[in-house]
Amino acid sequence: MKNNRLKKFIFLGSFLGIIGLLLIFFSNSMGMAFGDGWLVKSDYADSSIYNFQVKANTNKFLVIGGILFGIGLTTVLLSYYKELHNKE
């Protein structure tokens, strides 16, 4: 039962890590997409405000991706360590 539980934690950590990496790698294009969506919603926007929105959205995805990747990597490493420790 413990082994099955650890495998679930490894799967969860891997999933979070992959989602985090995808957010990190595609943060620029996703930030641009959200910035463009903001520009469509607003009637008028200065280019400096648009650039700020794009940079802010890009940073949001970088931070969220980094946090998810860190949690995923930590979960995988700790679960793998526990699985190796339980076999002995």
PDB file of N, CA and C in Angstrom:
ATOM      1  N   MET A   1       0.831  -1.195   0.000  1.00  0.00           N
ATOM      2  CA  MET A   1       0.000   0.000   0.000  1.00  0.00           C
ATOM      3  C   MET A   1       0.871   1.252   0.000  1.00  0.00           C
ATOM      4  N   LYS A   2       1.943   1.215   0.795  1.00  0.00           N
ATOM      5  CA  LYS A   2       2.818   2.373   0.836  1.00  0.00           C
ATOM      6  C   LYS A   2       3.491   2.594  -0.511  1.00  0.00           C
ATOM      7  N   ASN A   3       3.853   1.485  -1.177  1.00  0.00           N
ATOM      8  CA  ASN A   3       4.517   1.592  -2.463  1.00  0.00           C
ATOM      9  C   ASN A   3       3.597   2.243  -3.499  1.00  0.00           C
ATOM     10  N   ASN A   4       2.321   1.869  -3.474  1.00  0.00           N
ATOM     11  CA  ASN A   4       1.344   2.451  -4.386  1.00  0.00           C
ATOM     12  C   ASN A   4       1.167   3.943  -4.105  1.00  0.00           C
ATOM     13  N   ARG A   5       1.166   4.285  -2.840  1.00  0.00           N
ATOM     14  CA  ARG A   5       1.014   5.685  -2.447  1.00  0.00           C
ATOM     15  C   ARG A   5       2.210   6.525  -2.917  1.00  0.00           C
ATOM     16  N   LEU A   6       3.412   5.961  -2.788  1.00  0.00           N
ATOM     17  CA  LEU A   6       4.608   6.679  -3.237  1.00  0.00           C
ATOM     18  C   LEU A   6       4.612   6.852  -4.756  1.00  0.00           C
ATOM     19  N   LYS A   7       4.123   5.846  -5.476  1.00  0.00           N
ATOM     20  CA  LYS A   7       4.045   5.974  -6.934  1.00  0.00           C
ATOM     21  C   LYS A   7       3.073   7.087  -7.333  1.00  0.00           C
ATOM     22  N   LYS A   8       2.001   7.236  -6.573  1.00  0.00           N
ATOM     23  CA  LYS A   8       1.055   8.323  -6.846  1.00  0.00           C
ATOM     24  C   LYS A   8       1.709   9.684  -6.602  1.00  0.00           C
ATOM     25  N   PHE A   9       2.520   9.765  -5.530  1.00  0.00           N
ATOM     26  CA  PHE A   9       3.229  11.016  -5.263  1.00  0.00           C
ATOM     27  C   PHE A   9       4.245  11.316  -6.359  1.00  0.00           C
ATOM     28  N   ILE A  10       4.929  10.283  -6.856  1.00  0.00           N
ATOM     29  CA  ILE A  10       5.890  10.491  -7.943  1.00  0.00           C
ATOM     30  C   ILE A  10       5.163  10.967  -9.197  1.00  0.00           C
ATOM     31  N   PHE A  11       4.010  10.362  -9.486  1.00  0.00           N
ATOM     32  CA  PHE A  11       3.223  10.799 -10.643  1.00  0.00           C
ATOM     33  C   PHE A  11       2.759  12.248 -10.476  1.00  0.00           C
ATOM     34  N   LEU A  12       2.269  12.582  -9.289  1.00  0.00           N
ATOM     35  CA  LEU A  12       1.805  13.951  -9.031  1.00  0.00           C
ATOM     36  C   LEU A  12       2.954  14.950  -9.163  1.00  0.00           C
ATOM     37  N   GLY A  13       4.103  14.606  -8.598  1.00  0.00           N
ATOM     38  CA  GLY A  13       5.264  15.486  -8.700  1.00  0.00           C
ATOM     39  C   GLY A  13       5.732  15.654 -10.133  1.00  0.00           C
ATOM     40  N   SER A  14       5.714  14.564 -10.897  1.00  0.00           N
ATOM     41  CA  SER A  14       6.104  14.641 -12.305  1.00  0.00           C
ATOM     42  C   SER A  14       5.135  15.521 -13.090  1.00  0.00           C
ATOM     43  N   PHE A  15       3.863  15.353 -12.813  1.00  0.00           N
ATOM     44  CA  PHE A  15       2.844  16.161 -13.489  1.00  0.00           C
ATOM     45  C   PHE A  15       3.026  17.650 -13.183  1.00  0.00           C
ATOM     46  N   LEU A  16       3.226  17.970 -11.902  1.00  0.00           N
ATOM     47  CA  LEU A  16       3.421  19.366 -11.528  1.00  0.00           C
ATOM     48  C   LEU A  16       4.703  19.926 -12.145  1.00  0.00           C
ATOM     49  N   GLY A  17       5.750  19.114 -12.174  1.00  0.00           N
ATOM     50  CA  GLY A  17       7.004  19.554 -12.768  1.00  0.00           C
ATOM     51  C   GLY A  17       6.871  19.834 -14.255  1.00  0.00           C
ATOM     52  N   ILE A  18       6.163  18.971 -14.964  1.00  0.00           N
ATOM     53  CA  ILE A  18       5.973  19.174 -16.400  1.00  0.00           C
ATOM     54  C   ILE A  18       5.129  20.411 -16.662  1.00  0.00           C
ATOM     55  N   ILE A  19       4.063  20.601 -15.899  1.00  0.00           N
ATOM     56  CA  ILE A  19       3.237  21.801 -16.051  1.00  0.00           C
ATOM     57  C   ILE A  19       4.067  23.051 -15.762  1.00  0.00           C
ATOM     58  N   GLY A  20       4.899  22.995 -14.719  1.00  0.00           N
ATOM     59  CA  GLY A  20       5.759  24.124 -14.387  1.00  0.00           C
ATOM     60  C   GLY A  20       6.745  24.442 -15.497  1.00  0.00           C
ATOM     61  N   LEU A  21       7.363  23.409 -16.075  1.00  0.00           N
ATOM     62  CA  LEU A  21       8.295  23.634 -17.179  1.00  0.00           C
ATOM     63  C   LEU A  21       7.597  24.219 -18.398  1.00  0.00           C
ATOM     64  N   LEU A  22       6.399  23.725 -18.693  1.00  0.00           N
ATOM     65  CA  LEU A  22       5.648  24.285 -19.820  1.00  0.00           C
ATOM     66  C   LEU A  22       5.320  25.757 -19.592  1.00  0.00           C
ATOM     67  N   LEU A  23       4.933  26.093 -18.370  1.00  0.00           N
ATOM     68  CA  LEU A  23       4.645  27.501 -18.069  1.00  0.00           C
ATOM     69  C   LEU A  23       5.901  28.363 -18.192  1.00  0.00           C
ATOM     70  N   ILE A  24       7.035  27.828 -17.778  1.00  0.00           N
ATOM     71  CA  ILE A  24       8.282  28.592 -17.879  1.00  0.00           C
ATOM     72  C   ILE A  24       8.661  28.789 -19.343  1.00  0.00           C
ATOM     73  N   PHE A  25       8.625  27.700 -20.117  1.00  0.00           N
ATOM     74  CA  PHE A  25       9.067  27.789 -21.510  1.00  0.00           C
ATOM     75  C   PHE A  25       8.135  28.627 -22.383  1.00  0.00           C
ATOM     76  N   PHE A  26       6.842  28.584 -22.114  1.00  0.00           N
ATOM     77  CA  PHE A  26       5.886  29.315 -22.937  1.00  0.00           C
ATOM     78  C   PHE A  26       5.374  30.581 -22.261  1.00  0.00           C
ATOM     79  N   SER A  27       6.081  31.068 -21.259  1.00  0.00           N
ATOM     80  CA  SER A  27       5.624  32.248 -20.534  1.00  0.00           C
ATOM     81  C   SER A  27       5.599  33.488 -21.418  1.00  0.00           C
ATOM     82  N   ASN A  28       6.542  33.590 -22.332  1.00  0.00           N
ATOM     83  CA  ASN A  28       6.593  34.775 -23.188  1.00  0.00           C
ATOM     84  C   ASN A  28       5.380  34.835 -24.121  1.00  0.00           C
ATOM     85  N   SER A  29       5.085  33.732 -24.777  1.00  0.00           N
ATOM     86  CA  SER A  29       3.950  33.745 -25.707  1.00  0.00           C
ATOM     87  C   SER A  29       2.617  33.855 -24.957  1.00  0.00           C
ATOM     88  N   MET A  30       2.534  33.230 -23.784  1.00  0.00           N
ATOM     89  CA  MET A  30       1.300  33.343 -23.015  1.00  0.00           C
ATOM     90  C   MET A  30       1.135  34.746 -22.442  1.00  0.00           C
ATOM     91  N   GLY A  31       2.233  35.370 -22.032  1.00  0.00           N
ATOM     92  CA  GLY A  31       2.171  36.755 -21.562  1.00  0.00           C
ATOM     93  C   GLY A  31       1.735  37.699 -22.666  1.00  0.00           C
ATOM     94  N   MET A  32       2.240  37.452 -23.883  1.00  0.00           N
ATOM     95  CA  MET A  32       1.819  38.271 -25.024  1.00  0.00           C
ATOM     96  C   MET A  32       0.342  38.073 -25.324  1.00  0.00           C
ATOM     97  N   ALA A  33      -0.124  36.830 -25.244  1.00  0.00           N
ATOM     98  CA  ALA A  33      -1.534  36.550 -25.519  1.00  0.00           C
ATOM     99  C   ALA A  33      -2.440  37.240 -24.506  1.00  0.00           C
ATOM    100  N   PHE A  34      -2.060  37.186 -23.236  1.00  0.00           N
ATOM    101  CA  PHE A  34      -2.866  37.864 -22.217  1.00  0.00           C
ATOM    102  C   PHE A  34      -2.786  39.382 -22.373  1.00  0.00           C
ATOM    103  N   GLY A  35      -1.622  39.885 -22.772  1.00  0.00           N
ATOM    104  CA  GLY A  35      -1.480  41.318 -23.027  1.00  0.00           C
ATOM    105  C   GLY A  35      -2.326  41.764 -24.207  1.00  0.00           C
ATOM    106  N   ASP A  36      -2.365  40.943 -25.248  1.00  0.00           N
ATOM    107  CA  ASP A  36      -3.208  41.261 -26.399  1.00  0.00           C
ATOM    108  C   ASP A  36      -4.682  41.228 -26.024  1.00  0.00           C
ATOM    109  N   GLY A  37      -5.060  40.271 -25.191  1.00  0.00           N
ATOM    110  CA  GLY A  37      -6.448  40.214 -24.721  1.00  0.00           C
ATOM    111  C   GLY A  37      -6.816  41.443 -23.913  1.00  0.00           C
ATOM    112  N   TRP A  38      -5.875  41.911 -23.101  1.00  0.00           N
ATOM    113  CA  TRP A  38      -6.115  43.131 -22.322  1.00  0.00           C
ATOM    114  C   TRP A  38      -6.258  44.328 -23.254  1.00  0.00           C
ATOM    115  N   LEU A  39      -5.446  44.361 -24.309  1.00  0.00           N
ATOM    116  CA  LEU A  39      -5.494  45.477 -25.256  1.00  0.00           C
ATOM    117  C   LEU A  39      -6.821  45.504 -26.013  1.00  0.00           C
ATOM    118  N   VAL A  40      -7.353  44.338 -26.336  1.00  0.00           N
ATOM    119  CA  VAL A  40      -8.643  44.271 -27.027  1.00  0.00           C
ATOM    120  C   VAL A  40      -9.756  44.774 -26.113  1.00  0.00           C
ATOM    121  N   LYS A  41      -9.676  44.436 -24.818  1.00  0.00           N
ATOM    122  CA  LYS A  41     -10.718  44.865 -23.873  1.00  0.00           C
ATOM    123  C   LYS A  41     -10.713  46.374 -23.636  1.00  0.00           C
ATOM    124  N   SER A  42      -9.536  46.958 -23.587  1.00  0.00           N
ATOM    125  CA  SER A  42      -9.471  48.398 -23.310  1.00  0.00           C
ATOM    126  C   SER A  42      -9.705  49.166 -24.607  1.00  0.00           C
ATOM    127  N   ASP A  43     -10.322  50.313 -24.476  1.00  0.00           N
ATOM    128  CA  ASP A  43     -10.595  51.124 -25.657  1.00  0.00           C
ATOM    129  C   ASP A  43      -9.335  51.790 -26.176  1.00  0.00           C
ATOM    130  N   TYR A  44      -8.546  52.328 -25.268  1.00  0.00           N
ATOM    131  CA  TYR A  44      -7.336  53.024 -25.656  1.00  0.00           C
ATOM    132  C   TYR A  44      -6.249  52.687 -24.639  1.00  0.00           C
ATOM    133  N   ALA A  45      -5.054  52.427 -25.139  1.00  0.00           N
ATOM    134  CA  ALA A  45      -3.948  52.142 -24.233  1.00  0.00           C
ATOM    135  C   ALA A  45      -2.660  52.683 -24.833  1.00  0.00           C
ATOM    136  N   ASP A  46      -1.861  53.261 -23.996  1.00  0.00           N
ATOM    137  CA  ASP A  46      -0.547  53.743 -24.401  1.00  0.00           C
ATOM    138  C   ASP A  46       0.376  52.537 -24.579  1.00  0.00           C
ATOM    139  N   SER A  47       1.381  52.681 -25.416  1.00  0.00           N
ATOM    140  CA  SER A  47       2.277  51.552 -25.671  1.00  0.00           C
ATOM    141  C   SER A  47       3.083  51.171 -24.431  1.00  0.00           C
ATOM    142  N   SER A  48       3.388  52.139 -23.581  1.00  0.00           N
ATOM    143  CA  SER A  48       4.126  51.809 -22.361  1.00  0.00           C
ATOM    144  C   SER A  48       3.271  50.987 -21.396  1.00  0.00           C
ATOM    145  N   ILE A  49       1.980  51.282 -21.346  1.00  0.00           N
ATOM    146  CA  ILE A  49       1.081  50.505 -20.493  1.00  0.00           C
ATOM    147  C   ILE A  49       0.932  49.090 -21.048  1.00  0.00           C
ATOM    148  N   TYR A  50       0.842  48.973 -22.376  1.00  0.00           N
ATOM    149  CA  TYR A  50       0.756  47.655 -23.012  1.00  0.00           C
ATOM    150  C   TYR A  50       2.013  46.835 -22.719  1.00  0.00           C
ATOM    151  N   ASN A  51       3.179  47.443 -22.855  1.00  0.00           N
ATOM    152  CA  ASN A  51       4.427  46.738 -22.567  1.00  0.00           C
ATOM    153  C   ASN A  51       4.498  46.311 -21.106  1.00  0.00           C
ATOM    154  N   PHE A  52       4.009  47.165 -20.213  1.00  0.00           N
ATOM    155  CA  PHE A  52       3.966  46.806 -18.796  1.00  0.00           C
ATOM    156  C   PHE A  52       3.066  45.595 -18.574  1.00  0.00           C
ATOM    157  N   GLN A  53       1.900  45.572 -19.207  1.00  0.00           N
ATOM    158  CA  GLN A  53       0.970  44.454 -19.064  1.00  0.00           C
ATOM    159  C   GLN A  53       1.590  43.152 -19.576  1.00  0.00           C
ATOM    160  N   VAL A  54       2.253  43.227 -20.725  1.00  0.00           N
ATOM    161  CA  VAL A  54       2.888  42.033 -21.282  1.00  0.00           C
ATOM    162  C   VAL A  54       3.989  41.532 -20.351  1.00  0.00           C
ATOM    163  N   LYS A  55       4.811  42.452 -19.840  1.00  0.00           N
ATOM    164  CA  LYS A  55       5.903  42.056 -18.946  1.00  0.00           C
ATOM    165  C   LYS A  55       5.354  41.496 -17.630  1.00  0.00           C
ATOM    166  N   ALA A  56       4.299  42.108 -17.111  1.00  0.00           N
ATOM    167  CA  ALA A  56       3.705  41.627 -15.852  1.00  0.00           C
ATOM    168  C   ALA A  56       3.113  40.226 -16.033  1.00  0.00           C
ATOM    169  N   ASN A  57       2.411  40.018 -17.141  1.00  0.00           N
ATOM    170  CA  ASN A  57       1.827  38.695 -17.388  1.00  0.00           C
ATOM    171  C   ASN A  57       2.914  37.641 -17.620  1.00  0.00           C
ATOM    172  N   THR A  58       3.968  38.012 -18.318  1.00  0.00           N
ATOM    173  CA  THR A  58       5.081  37.084 -18.529  1.00  0.00           C
ATOM    174  C   THR A  58       5.725  36.708 -17.202  1.00  0.00           C
ATOM    175  N   ASN A  59       5.930  37.687 -16.333  1.00  0.00           N
ATOM    176  CA  ASN A  59       6.515  37.407 -15.022  1.00  0.00           C
ATOM    177  C   ASN A  59       5.608  36.534 -14.165  1.00  0.00           C
ATOM    178  N   LYS A  60       4.302  36.736 -14.278  1.00  0.00           N
ATOM    179  CA  LYS A  60       3.366  35.888 -13.536  1.00  0.00           C
ATOM    180  C   LYS A  60       3.535  34.420 -13.922  1.00  0.00           C
ATOM    181  N   PHE A  61       3.612  34.160 -15.229  1.00  0.00           N
ATOM    182  CA  PHE A  61       3.761  32.782 -15.676  1.00  0.00           C
ATOM    183  C   PHE A  61       5.118  32.207 -15.306  1.00  0.00           C
ATOM    184  N   LEU A  62       6.151  33.030 -15.313  1.00  0.00           N
ATOM    185  CA  LEU A  62       7.471  32.560 -14.890  1.00  0.00           C
ATOM    186  C   LEU A  62       7.470  32.163 -13.415  1.00  0.00           C
ATOM    187  N   VAL A  63       6.872  32.989 -12.585  1.00  0.00           N
ATOM    188  CA  VAL A  63       6.845  32.708 -11.146  1.00  0.00           C
ATOM    189  C   VAL A  63       5.993  31.478 -10.848  1.00  0.00           C
ATOM    190  N   ILE A  64       4.806  31.409 -11.425  1.00  0.00           N
ATOM    191  CA  ILE A  64       3.932  30.254 -11.187  1.00  0.00           C
ATOM    192  C   ILE A  64       4.592  28.975 -11.697  1.00  0.00           C
ATOM    193  N   GLY A  65       5.209  29.051 -12.866  1.00  0.00           N
ATOM    194  CA  GLY A  65       5.901  27.882 -13.407  1.00  0.00           C
ATOM    195  C   GLY A  65       7.065  27.455 -12.535  1.00  0.00           C
ATOM    196  N   GLY A  66       7.819  28.414 -12.028  1.00  0.00           N
ATOM    197  CA  GLY A  66       8.939  28.089 -11.155  1.00  0.00           C
ATOM    198  C   GLY A  66       8.488  27.448  -9.855  1.00  0.00           C
ATOM    199  N   ILE A  67       7.403  27.955  -9.296  1.00  0.00           N
ATOM    200  CA  ILE A  67       6.877  27.380  -8.056  1.00  0.00           C
ATOM    201  C   ILE A  67       6.383  25.954  -8.296  1.00  0.00           C
ATOM    202  N   LEU A  68       5.624  25.745  -9.366  1.00  0.00           N
ATOM    203  CA  LEU A  68       5.122  24.403  -9.660  1.00  0.00           C
ATOM    204  C   LEU A  68       6.263  23.436  -9.952  1.00  0.00           C
ATOM    205  N   PHE A  69       7.264  23.889 -10.690  1.00  0.00           N
ATOM    206  CA  PHE A  69       8.412  23.032 -10.980  1.00  0.00           C
ATOM    207  C   PHE A  69       9.165  22.679  -9.701  1.00  0.00           C
ATOM    208  N   GLY A  70       9.347  23.642  -8.821  1.00  0.00           N
ATOM    209  CA  GLY A  70      10.039  23.384  -7.557  1.00  0.00           C
ATOM    210  C   GLY A  70       9.285  22.403  -6.676  1.00  0.00           C
ATOM    211  N   ILE A  71       7.968  22.578  -6.581  1.00  0.00           N
ATOM    212  CA  ILE A  71       7.154  21.656  -5.784  1.00  0.00           C
ATOM    213  C   ILE A  71       7.199  20.256  -6.387  1.00  0.00           C
ATOM    214  N   GLY A  72       7.083  20.187  -7.708  1.00  0.00           N
ATOM    215  CA  GLY A  72       7.117  18.893  -8.382  1.00  0.00           C
ATOM    216  C   GLY A  72       8.446  18.186  -8.205  1.00  0.00           C
ATOM    217  N   LEU A  73       9.546  18.916  -8.369  1.00  0.00           N
ATOM    218  CA  LEU A  73      10.868  18.325  -8.225  1.00  0.00           C
ATOM    219  C   LEU A  73      11.106  17.851  -6.791  1.00  0.00           C
ATOM    220  N   THR A  74      10.697  18.649  -5.829  1.00  0.00           N
ATOM    221  CA  THR A  74      10.845  18.257  -4.430  1.00  0.00           C
ATOM    222  C   THR A  74      10.015  17.023  -4.107  1.00  0.00           C
ATOM    223  N   THR A  75       8.796  16.968  -4.610  1.00  0.00           N
ATOM    224  CA  THR A  75       7.930  15.818  -4.373  1.00  0.00           C
ATOM    225  C   THR A  75       8.520  14.550  -4.974  1.00  0.00           C
ATOM    226  N   VAL A  76       9.021  14.646  -6.202  1.00  0.00           N
ATOM    227  CA  VAL A  76       9.602  13.476  -6.850  1.00  0.00           C
ATOM    228  C   VAL A  76      10.839  13.003  -6.096  1.00  0.00           C
ATOM    229  N   LEU A  77      11.718  13.935  -5.740  1.00  0.00           N
ATOM    230  CA  LEU A  77      12.946  13.540  -5.050  1.00  0.00           C
ATOM    231  C   LEU A  77      12.668  12.919  -3.684  1.00  0.00           C
ATOM    232  N   LEU A  78      11.775  13.516  -2.907  1.00  0.00           N
ATOM    233  CA  LEU A  78      11.457  12.962  -1.593  1.00  0.00           C
ATOM    234  C   LEU A  78      10.749  11.609  -1.706  1.00  0.00           C
ATOM    235  N   SER A  79       9.851  11.472  -2.668  1.00  0.00           N
ATOM    236  CA  SER A  79       9.157  10.192  -2.847  1.00  0.00           C
ATOM    237  C   SER A  79      10.119   9.107  -3.311  1.00  0.00           C
ATOM    238  N   TYR A  80      11.021   9.469  -4.196  1.00  0.00           N
ATOM    239  CA  TYR A  80      12.007   8.505  -4.678  1.00  0.00           C
ATOM    240  C   TYR A  80      12.931   8.084  -3.540  1.00  0.00           C
ATOM    241  N   TYR A  81      13.328   9.026  -2.706  1.00  0.00           N
ATOM    242  CA  TYR A  81      14.167   8.716  -1.554  1.00  0.00           C
ATOM    243  C   TYR A  81      13.442   7.775  -0.588  1.00  0.00           C
ATOM    244  N   LYS A  82      12.166   8.069  -0.331  1.00  0.00           N
ATOM    245  CA  LYS A  82      11.389   7.219   0.576  1.00  0.00           C
ATOM    246  C   LYS A  82      11.222   5.812  -0.002  1.00  0.00           C
ATOM    247  N   GLU A  83      11.019   5.728  -1.320  1.00  0.00           N
ATOM    248  CA  GLU A  83      10.860   4.429  -1.943  1.00  0.00           C
ATOM    249  C   GLU A  83      12.152   3.617  -1.856  1.00  0.00           C
ATOM    250  N   LEU A  84      13.283   4.254  -2.051  1.00  0.00           N
ATOM    251  CA  LEU A  84      14.557   3.555  -1.918  1.00  0.00           C
ATOM    252  C   LEU A  84      14.797   3.159  -0.472  1.00  0.00           C
ATOM    253  N   HIS A  85      14.411   4.005   0.459  1.00  0.00           N
ATOM    254  CA  HIS A  85      14.634   3.743   1.881  1.00  0.00           C
ATOM    255  C   HIS A  85      13.740   2.589   2.356  1.00  0.00           C
ATOM    256  N   ASN A  86      12.532   2.479   1.822  1.00  0.00           N
ATOM    257  CA  ASN A  86      11.606   1.424   2.245  1.00  0.00           C
ATOM    258  C   ASN A  86      11.997   0.048   1.714  1.00  0.00           C
ATOM    259  N   LYS A  87      12.741  -0.006   0.608  1.00  0.00           N
ATOM    260  CA  LYS A  87      13.144  -1.295   0.042  1.00  0.00           C
ATOM    261  C   LYS A  87      14.195  -1.996   0.895  1.00  0.00           C
ATOM    262  N   GLU A  88      14.950  -1.231   1.661  1.00  0.00           N
ATOM    263  CA  GLU A  88      16.027  -1.825   2.464  1.00  0.00           C
ATOM    264  C   GLU A  88      15.519  -2.516   3.698  1.00  0.00           C
TER     265      GLU A  88
END
